[in-house]
Amino acid sequence: MLEKRLDDRLTKYWELLKKDETLPAFGKFNTAAIDDIWDSCVLFSVSKGGSSDNKNYTFHRMGDKVRKLYNEDLTGSSLKPKQKATKGATIVKRIDEVVTQLIPIYDSGQFVSDNQKIVKFRSCLLPFGNDNDVTHVVAGLSWREF
């Protein structure tokens, strides 16, 4: 059976690219392999900040479904991990953790939306780069309103 959960599919793809390396190289990442879920993803580019421990994160690409969740296209904008995040997308506040630990992280839960519906969500952050240097992070966000 083909796995349907976005976080599981992204993780399996990440592991396939990673093989025995510390991180999968972003150059191997092919959106066509996950085309049916790519609209529920955000791609962040990672660059060095002023100090060696500081990193800058830029929204490099936002899937159509995520853009609707945020009510705007943040492509080209900087992410501040401590800034207020949309419910269900709070995992992006943990981007420093992914860049430091070099492993995927996950979040799931539920909340009541503004229109009084229960929203269940799952999300993940996956680091890409070379050796121990993260160059990109893919966030997968899935949610359903009940």
C-alpha atoms as a PDB file:
ATOM      1  CA  MET A   1       0.000   0.000   0.000  1.00  0.00           C
ATOM      2  CA  LEU A   2       1.290   3.435  -0.901  1.00  0.00           C
ATOM      3  CA  GLU A   3       1.908   5.533   2.213  1.00  0.00           C
ATOM      4  CA  LYS A   4      -0.447   8.497   2.295  1.00  0.00           C
ATOM      5  CA  ARG A   5       0.749  10.451   5.317  1.00  0.00           C
ATOM      6  CA  LEU A   6       2.768  13.426   4.166  1.00  0.00           C
ATOM      7  CA  ASP A   7       5.283  13.301   7.026  1.00  0.00           C
ATOM      8  CA  ASP A   8       5.935   9.580   6.493  1.00  0.00           C
ATOM      9  CA  ARG A   9       6.327   9.976   2.725  1.00  0.00           C
ATOM     10  CA  LEU A  10       8.694  12.919   3.066  1.00  0.00           C
ATOM     11  CA  THR A  11      10.779  11.080   5.657  1.00  0.00           C
ATOM     12  CA  LYS A  12      11.057   7.956   3.504  1.00  0.00           C
ATOM     13  CA  TYR A  13      12.140  10.084   0.547  1.00  0.00           C
ATOM     14  CA  TRP A  14      14.645  11.934   2.781  1.00  0.00           C
ATOM     15  CA  GLU A  15      16.083   8.584   3.982  1.00  0.00           C
ATOM     16  CA  LEU A  16      16.280   7.281   0.411  1.00  0.00           C
ATOM     17  CA  LEU A  17      18.367  10.298  -0.609  1.00  0.00           C
ATOM     18  CA  LYS A  18      20.431  10.290   2.590  1.00  0.00           C
ATOM     19  CA  LYS A  19      21.601   6.655   2.425  1.00  0.00           C
ATOM     20  CA  ASP A  20      24.707   6.431   4.662  1.00  0.00           C
ATOM     21  CA  GLU A  21      25.476  10.155   4.659  1.00  0.00           C
ATOM     22  CA  THR A  22      24.870  12.517   7.581  1.00  0.00           C
ATOM     23  CA  LEU A  23      22.506  14.586   5.429  1.00  0.00           C
ATOM     24  CA  PRO A  24      21.022  14.090   1.993  1.00  0.00           C
ATOM     25  CA  ALA A  25      22.455  16.510  -0.571  1.00  0.00           C
ATOM     26  CA  PHE A  26      19.877  19.054  -1.701  1.00  0.00           C
ATOM     27  CA  GLY A  27      21.103  18.586  -5.274  1.00  0.00           C
ATOM     28  CA  LYS A  28      19.553  15.103  -5.234  1.00  0.00           C
ATOM     29  CA  PHE A  29      16.148  16.445  -4.183  1.00  0.00           C
ATOM     30  CA  ASN A  30      13.634  16.108  -7.016  1.00  0.00           C
ATOM     31  CA  THR A  31      10.166  17.549  -6.443  1.00  0.00           C
ATOM     32  CA  ALA A  32       8.749  15.291  -9.175  1.00  0.00           C
ATOM     33  CA  ALA A  33       9.211  12.325  -6.812  1.00  0.00           C
ATOM     34  CA  ILE A  34       6.759  13.893  -4.359  1.00  0.00           C
ATOM     35  CA  ASP A  35       4.740  15.976  -6.812  1.00  0.00           C
ATOM     36  CA  ASP A  36       1.374  15.026  -5.297  1.00  0.00           C
ATOM     37  CA  ILE A  37       2.339  16.413  -1.850  1.00  0.00           C
ATOM     38  CA  TRP A  38       4.702  19.228  -2.872  1.00  0.00           C
ATOM     39  CA  ASP A  39       1.879  21.815  -2.582  1.00  0.00           C
ATOM     40  CA  SER A  40       1.806  21.095   1.161  1.00  0.00           C
ATOM     41  CA  CYS A  41       5.501  21.884   1.598  1.00  0.00           C
ATOM     42  CA  VAL A  42       7.706  24.878   2.248  1.00  0.00           C
ATOM     43  CA  LEU A  43      11.335  25.052   1.184  1.00  0.00           C
ATOM     44  CA  PHE A  44      13.675  27.191   3.276  1.00  0.00           C
ATOM     45  CA  SER A  45      17.172  28.134   2.191  1.00  0.00           C
ATOM     46  CA  VAL A  46      19.720  28.354   4.995  1.00  0.00           C
ATOM     47  CA  SER A  47      22.678  30.735   5.024  1.00  0.00           C
ATOM     48  CA  LYS A  48      25.238  31.748   7.589  1.00  0.00           C
ATOM     49  CA  GLY A  49      24.466  34.791   9.693  1.00  0.00           C
ATOM     50  CA  GLY A  50      26.819  37.286  11.317  1.00  0.00           C
ATOM     51  CA  SER A  51      28.259  34.840  13.861  1.00  0.00           C
ATOM     52  CA  SER A  52      29.227  31.228  13.229  1.00  0.00           C
ATOM     53  CA  ASP A  53      26.240  29.917  15.251  1.00  0.00           C
ATOM     54  CA  ASN A  54      23.706  32.223  13.605  1.00  0.00           C
ATOM     55  CA  LYS A  55      21.737  31.076  10.580  1.00  0.00           C
ATOM     56  CA  ASN A  56      19.416  32.989   8.295  1.00  0.00           C
ATOM     57  CA  TYR A  57      16.343  31.275   6.903  1.00  0.00           C
ATOM     58  CA  THR A  58      14.527  32.396   3.770  1.00  0.00           C
ATOM     59  CA  PHE A  59      11.210  31.156   2.426  1.00  0.00           C
ATOM     60  CA  HIS A  60      12.508  29.846  -0.898  1.00  0.00           C
ATOM     61  CA  ARG A  61       9.253  28.265  -2.069  1.00  0.00           C
ATOM     62  CA  MET A  62       5.748  27.840  -0.640  1.00  0.00           C
ATOM     63  CA  GLY A  63       3.295  25.253  -1.909  1.00  0.00           C
ATOM     64  CA  ASP A  64      -0.152  26.477  -2.920  1.00  0.00           C
ATOM     65  CA  LYS A  65      -1.881  24.821   0.043  1.00  0.00           C
ATOM     66  CA  VAL A  66       0.607  26.319   2.505  1.00  0.00           C
ATOM     67  CA  ARG A  67       0.229  29.751   0.929  1.00  0.00           C
ATOM     68  CA  LYS A  68      -3.514  29.530   1.628  1.00  0.00           C
ATOM     69  CA  LEU A  69      -2.812  28.475   5.223  1.00  0.00           C
ATOM     70  CA  TYR A  70      -0.614  31.550   5.743  1.00  0.00           C
ATOM     71  CA  ASN A  71      -2.964  33.771   3.704  1.00  0.00           C
ATOM     72  CA  GLU A  72       0.050  35.165   1.817  1.00  0.00           C
ATOM     73  CA  ASP A  73       3.063  34.185  -0.242  1.00  0.00           C
ATOM     74  CA  LEU A  74       6.165  34.616   1.909  1.00  0.00           C
ATOM     75  CA  THR A  75       8.608  33.552  -0.828  1.00  0.00           C
ATOM     76  CA  GLY A  76      11.761  35.657  -0.503  1.00  0.00           C
ATOM     77  CA  SER A  77      10.929  36.710   3.071  1.00  0.00           C
ATOM     78  CA  SER A  78      13.111  35.905   6.034  1.00  0.00           C
ATOM     79  CA  LEU A  79      11.894  33.541   8.718  1.00  0.00           C
ATOM     80  CA  LYS A  80      12.448  34.550  12.301  1.00  0.00           C
ATOM     81  CA  PRO A  81      12.044  31.300  14.285  1.00  0.00           C
ATOM     82  CA  LYS A  82      10.564  33.147  17.253  1.00  0.00           C
ATOM     83  CA  GLN A  83       7.934  35.035  15.217  1.00  0.00           C
ATOM     84  CA  LYS A  84       4.277  34.127  15.594  1.00  0.00           C
ATOM     85  CA  ALA A  85       3.396  31.144  13.426  1.00  0.00           C
ATOM     86  CA  THR A  86       0.102  29.976  12.003  1.00  0.00           C
ATOM     87  CA  LYS A  87      -1.468  27.229  14.132  1.00  0.00           C
ATOM     88  CA  GLY A  88      -0.525  23.874  12.669  1.00  0.00           C
ATOM     89  CA  ALA A  89       2.661  25.397  11.260  1.00  0.00           C
ATOM     90  CA  THR A  90       4.332  26.130  14.599  1.00  0.00           C
ATOM     91  CA  ILE A  91       6.957  23.509  13.783  1.00  0.00           C
ATOM     92  CA  VAL A  92       8.861  26.175  11.820  1.00  0.00           C
ATOM     93  CA  LYS A  93       9.776  27.708  15.184  1.00  0.00           C
ATOM     94  CA  ARG A  94      11.955  24.613  15.676  1.00  0.00           C
ATOM     95  CA  ILE A  95      14.061  25.134  12.545  1.00  0.00           C
ATOM     96  CA  ASP A  96      17.177  25.919  14.630  1.00  0.00           C
ATOM     97  CA  GLU A  97      16.794  22.487  16.237  1.00  0.00           C
ATOM     98  CA  VAL A  98      16.805  20.715  12.857  1.00  0.00           C
ATOM     99  CA  VAL A  99      19.842  22.653  11.667  1.00  0.00           C
ATOM    100  CA  THR A 100      21.746  21.848  14.870  1.00  0.00           C
ATOM    101  CA  GLN A 101      20.733  18.215  15.346  1.00  0.00           C
ATOM    102  CA  LEU A 102      20.756  17.277  11.622  1.00  0.00           C
ATOM    103  CA  ILE A 103      17.704  15.035  12.013  1.00  0.00           C
ATOM    104  CA  PRO A 104      14.030  15.356  11.046  1.00  0.00           C
ATOM    105  CA  ILE A 105      11.584  16.558  13.669  1.00  0.00           C
ATOM    106  CA  TYR A 106       7.838  16.096  13.824  1.00  0.00           C
ATOM    107  CA  ASP A 107       4.775  17.648  15.366  1.00  0.00           C
ATOM    108  CA  SER A 108       1.095  16.747  15.422  1.00  0.00           C
ATOM    109  CA  GLY A 109      -2.005  17.791  17.273  1.00  0.00           C
ATOM    110  CA  GLN A 110      -5.276  19.576  16.937  1.00  0.00           C
ATOM    111  CA  PHE A 111      -6.852  22.958  17.599  1.00  0.00           C
ATOM    112  CA  VAL A 112     -10.160  24.734  17.100  1.00  0.00           C
ATOM    113  CA  SER A 113     -10.140  27.074  14.103  1.00  0.00           C
ATOM    114  CA  ASP A 114     -11.637  30.559  13.965  1.00  0.00           C
ATOM    115  CA  ASN A 115     -14.761  29.075  12.354  1.00  0.00           C
ATOM    116  CA  GLN A 116     -15.143  26.666  15.307  1.00  0.00           C
ATOM    117  CA  LYS A 117     -13.974  23.539  13.453  1.00  0.00           C
ATOM    118  CA  ILE A 118     -11.511  21.014  14.813  1.00  0.00           C
ATOM    119  CA  VAL A 119      -8.302  21.020  12.781  1.00  0.00           C
ATOM    120  CA  LYS A 120      -5.988  18.026  13.062  1.00  0.00           C
ATOM    121  CA  PHE A 121      -2.453  18.475  11.760  1.00  0.00           C
ATOM    122  CA  ARG A 122       0.866  16.725  11.210  1.00  0.00           C
ATOM    123  CA  SER A 123       4.082  18.442  10.270  1.00  0.00           C
ATOM    124  CA  CYS A 124       7.757  17.744   9.808  1.00  0.00           C
ATOM    125  CA  LEU A 125      11.050  19.516   9.127  1.00  0.00           C
ATOM    126  CA  LEU A 126      13.776  17.757   7.127  1.00  0.00           C
ATOM    127  CA  PRO A 127      17.360  19.064   6.765  1.00  0.00           C
ATOM    128  CA  PHE A 128      19.343  18.870   3.510  1.00  0.00           C
ATOM    129  CA  GLY A 129      22.951  19.836   2.869  1.00  0.00           C
ATOM    130  CA  ASN A 130      26.439  18.442   2.748  1.00  0.00           C
ATOM    131  CA  ASP A 131      28.520  16.958   5.550  1.00  0.00           C
ATOM    132  CA  ASN A 132      27.333  18.762   8.688  1.00  0.00           C
ATOM    133  CA  ASP A 133      26.240  21.950   6.943  1.00  0.00           C
ATOM    134  CA  VAL A 134      22.501  22.396   6.359  1.00  0.00           C
ATOM    135  CA  THR A 135      21.749  24.379   3.202  1.00  0.00           C
ATOM    136  CA  HIS A 136      17.979  23.783   2.930  1.00  0.00           C
ATOM    137  CA  VAL A 137      15.096  22.654   5.097  1.00  0.00           C
ATOM    138  CA  VAL A 138      11.855  21.195   3.771  1.00  0.00           C
ATOM    139  CA  ALA A 139       8.753  21.613   5.920  1.00  0.00           C
ATOM    140  CA  GLY A 140       5.771  19.371   5.272  1.00  0.00           C
ATOM    141  CA  LEU A 141       2.412  20.547   6.627  1.00  0.00           C
ATOM    142  CA  SER A 142      -0.815  18.572   6.433  1.00  0.00           C
ATOM    143  CA  TRP A 143      -4.107  19.388   8.087  1.00  0.00           C
ATOM    144  CA  ARG A 144      -7.748  18.503   7.958  1.00  0.00           C
ATOM    145  CA  GLU A 145     -10.801  20.347   9.234  1.00  0.00           C
ATOM    146  CA  PHE A 146     -13.650  18.443  10.875  1.00  0.00           C
END
